[in-house]
């Protein structure tokens, strides 16, 4: 990003097993914490060149994708536990409040769901979430069984 290194994580969690999703959520949180810990560690020394070149580490993170759970689920709340700048925050709720969300799955194709649901989310660490200017769902696109979700950040 123009403002410095930014970690972007994209995911597609399991849809048929809540137990497996819970493990995937925990692993995402572990990876996010490990990345933040590495960013704070003193890793001075010679950088490795070529294919295995080291990359800048940062706790500044955007996490997005098909989570296969809605905003009120325990998995969604688990992703947002913690406090401070490294805690993940749902940017849709930050911009639009806690109300109902536009559906992101099953809008045009009801093969897998009886009612459209909002299971695609964007979360960001506190230092990034606070810069969120706009978040939305493209409800018109029919190129996928999911609707695109987008976010714009100020000064990122």
Protein backbone atom coordinates (compact mmCIF):
# COMPACT_ATOMS: atom_id res chain seq x y z
CA UNK A 1 0.00 0.00 0.00
CA UNK A 2 1.12 3.59 -0.43
CA UNK A 3 1.24 3.93 3.36
CA UNK A 4 3.52 0.92 3.83
CA UNK A 5 3.38 -2.87 4.00
CA UNK A 6 -0.06 -4.45 4.24
CA UNK A 7 -0.93 -8.12 4.65
CA UNK A 8 -3.93 -9.25 2.60
CA UNK A 9 -5.40 -12.65 3.38
CA UNK A 10 -8.13 -14.22 1.23
CA UNK A 11 -9.98 -17.30 2.40
CA UNK A 12 -12.74 -19.76 1.55
CA UNK A 13 -13.83 -21.62 4.66
CA UNK A 14 -15.54 -25.02 4.83
CA UNK A 15 -19.29 -24.84 4.22
CA UNK A 16 -20.58 -28.16 5.57
CA UNK A 17 -18.72 -28.55 8.88
CA UNK A 18 -18.96 -25.98 11.68
CA UNK A 19 -16.22 -27.86 13.58
CA UNK A 20 -13.81 -27.58 10.66
CA UNK A 21 -14.71 -23.88 10.17
CA UNK A 22 -13.95 -23.24 13.83
CA UNK A 23 -10.48 -24.79 13.38
CA UNK A 24 -9.92 -22.72 10.23
CA UNK A 25 -10.93 -19.53 12.08
CA UNK A 26 -8.45 -20.36 14.85
CA UNK A 27 -5.67 -20.96 12.32
CA UNK A 28 -6.39 -17.61 10.62
CA UNK A 29 -6.09 -15.90 14.00
CA UNK A 30 -2.84 -17.79 14.68
CA UNK A 31 -1.36 -16.73 11.32
CA UNK A 32 -2.41 -13.12 11.94
CA UNK A 33 -0.79 -13.17 15.41
CA UNK A 34 2.37 -14.85 14.11
CA UNK A 35 2.68 -12.25 11.37
CA UNK A 36 2.27 -9.42 13.90
CA UNK A 37 4.83 -11.03 16.22
CA UNK A 38 7.34 -11.33 13.37
CA UNK A 39 6.76 -7.68 12.48
CA UNK A 40 7.69 -6.67 16.03
CA UNK A 41 10.71 -9.02 16.26
CA UNK A 42 14.19 -7.81 15.51
CA UNK A 43 15.06 -9.85 12.44
CA UNK A 44 18.11 -7.88 11.39
CA UNK A 45 20.63 -9.51 9.14
CA UNK A 46 21.27 -10.01 5.48
CA UNK A 47 18.13 -10.39 3.39
CA UNK A 48 17.97 -13.50 1.25
CA UNK A 49 17.90 -12.81 -2.48
CA UNK A 50 16.00 -14.63 -5.19
CA UNK A 51 12.96 -16.85 -4.86
CA UNK A 52 13.12 -16.99 -1.06
CA UNK A 53 13.55 -13.27 -0.57
CA UNK A 54 12.09 -12.13 2.71
CA UNK A 55 9.11 -9.82 2.62
CA UNK A 56 8.19 -7.06 5.03
CA UNK A 57 6.01 -8.25 7.91
CA UNK A 58 3.27 -6.09 9.32
CA UNK A 59 0.35 -6.45 11.72
CA UNK A 60 -1.68 -4.23 9.33
CA UNK A 61 -4.06 -6.75 7.79
CA UNK A 62 -7.09 -7.11 5.52
CA UNK A 63 -8.90 -10.46 5.66
CA UNK A 64 -11.59 -11.18 3.09
CA UNK A 65 -13.39 -14.01 1.35
CA UNK A 66 -16.19 -16.54 1.53
CA UNK A 67 -16.46 -17.41 5.20
CA UNK A 68 -19.60 -19.54 4.89
CA UNK A 69 -21.07 -17.98 8.03
CA UNK A 70 -23.21 -14.94 8.66
CA UNK A 71 -22.33 -11.86 10.66
CA UNK A 72 -24.13 -13.06 13.78
CA UNK A 73 -22.35 -16.40 14.03
CA UNK A 74 -19.94 -17.46 16.76
CA UNK A 75 -17.21 -17.88 14.12
CA UNK A 76 -17.66 -14.26 13.04
CA UNK A 77 -17.43 -13.09 16.65
CA UNK A 78 -14.36 -15.28 17.23
CA UNK A 79 -12.50 -13.56 14.39
CA UNK A 80 -13.09 -10.22 16.11
CA UNK A 81 -12.06 -11.13 19.64
CA UNK A 82 -9.24 -9.17 21.15
CA UNK A 83 -8.50 -5.50 21.51
CA UNK A 84 -6.08 -2.96 20.16
CA UNK A 85 -4.78 -2.24 16.69
CA UNK A 86 -4.15 -5.91 15.88
CA UNK A 87 -7.74 -7.02 16.60
CA UNK A 88 -9.76 -7.69 13.46
CA UNK A 89 -12.88 -5.62 12.84
CA UNK A 90 -15.71 -6.22 10.35
CA UNK A 91 -15.53 -3.14 8.16
CA UNK A 92 -19.12 -3.49 6.88
CA UNK A 93 -20.45 -3.16 10.43
CA UNK A 94 -18.01 -0.33 11.09
CA UNK A 95 -19.35 1.71 8.16
CA UNK A 96 -23.02 0.67 8.10
CA UNK A 97 -23.74 -0.33 11.70
CA UNK A 98 -25.03 -3.62 13.09
CA UNK A 99 -28.16 -3.89 10.89
CA UNK A 100 -29.02 -6.38 8.19
CA UNK A 101 -26.57 -6.84 5.32
CA UNK A 102 -27.23 -7.31 1.65
CA UNK A 103 -26.99 -10.98 0.65
CA UNK A 104 -23.79 -12.16 -1.00
CA UNK A 105 -24.72 -15.77 -1.82
CA UNK A 106 -27.81 -17.34 -3.36
CA UNK A 107 -29.09 -14.11 -4.90
CA UNK A 108 -29.49 -15.43 -8.46
CA UNK A 109 -28.73 -19.12 -7.99
CA UNK A 110 -30.63 -20.91 -5.21
CA UNK A 111 -29.13 -24.33 -5.85
CA UNK A 112 -27.46 -24.49 -2.41
CA UNK A 113 -29.62 -22.20 -0.27
CA UNK A 114 -33.34 -21.56 0.12
CA UNK A 115 -32.83 -17.91 1.05
CA UNK A 116 -29.96 -15.60 0.05
CA UNK A 117 -27.40 -15.06 2.82
CA UNK A 118 -24.51 -12.70 3.58
CA UNK A 119 -21.48 -14.96 4.05
CA UNK A 120 -18.75 -12.94 2.30
CA UNK A 121 -16.96 -10.49 4.58
CA UNK A 122 -14.06 -8.06 4.82
CA UNK A 123 -12.28 -7.66 8.14
CA UNK A 124 -9.28 -5.48 8.89
CA UNK A 125 -6.93 -4.79 11.76
CA UNK A 126 -7.83 -1.70 13.77
CA UNK A 127 -5.22 0.53 12.17
CA UNK A 128 -6.64 -0.29 8.73
CA UNK A 129 -10.33 -0.57 9.69
CA UNK A 130 -10.31 2.99 10.97
CA UNK A 131 -9.40 4.19 7.47
CA UNK A 132 -12.41 2.52 5.82
CA UNK A 133 -14.27 5.00 3.66
CA UNK A 134 -16.77 2.76 1.87
CA UNK A 135 -17.93 -0.86 1.93
CA UNK A 136 -20.56 -2.34 -0.32
CA UNK A 137 -22.00 -5.33 -2.14
CA UNK A 138 -22.53 -5.42 -5.90
CA UNK A 139 -26.03 -6.91 -6.01
CA UNK A 140 -26.32 -6.81 -9.81
CA UNK A 141 -23.39 -8.97 -10.91
CA UNK A 142 -24.41 -12.45 -12.06
CA UNK A 143 -20.98 -13.81 -13.04
CA UNK A 144 -20.66 -15.96 -9.93
CA UNK A 145 -22.85 -17.61 -7.32
CA UNK A 146 -21.50 -14.93 -4.93
CA UNK A 147 -21.91 -11.17 -5.11
CA UNK A 148 -18.72 -9.09 -5.05
CA UNK A 149 -17.99 -7.28 -1.79
CA UNK A 150 -15.70 -4.26 -1.97
CA UNK A 151 -14.07 -1.75 0.36
CA UNK A 152 -12.26 1.53 -0.10
CA UNK A 153 -9.82 3.00 2.39
CA UNK A 154 -8.71 6.60 2.88
CA UNK A 155 -4.96 7.13 2.95
CA UNK A 156 -4.05 3.47 2.78
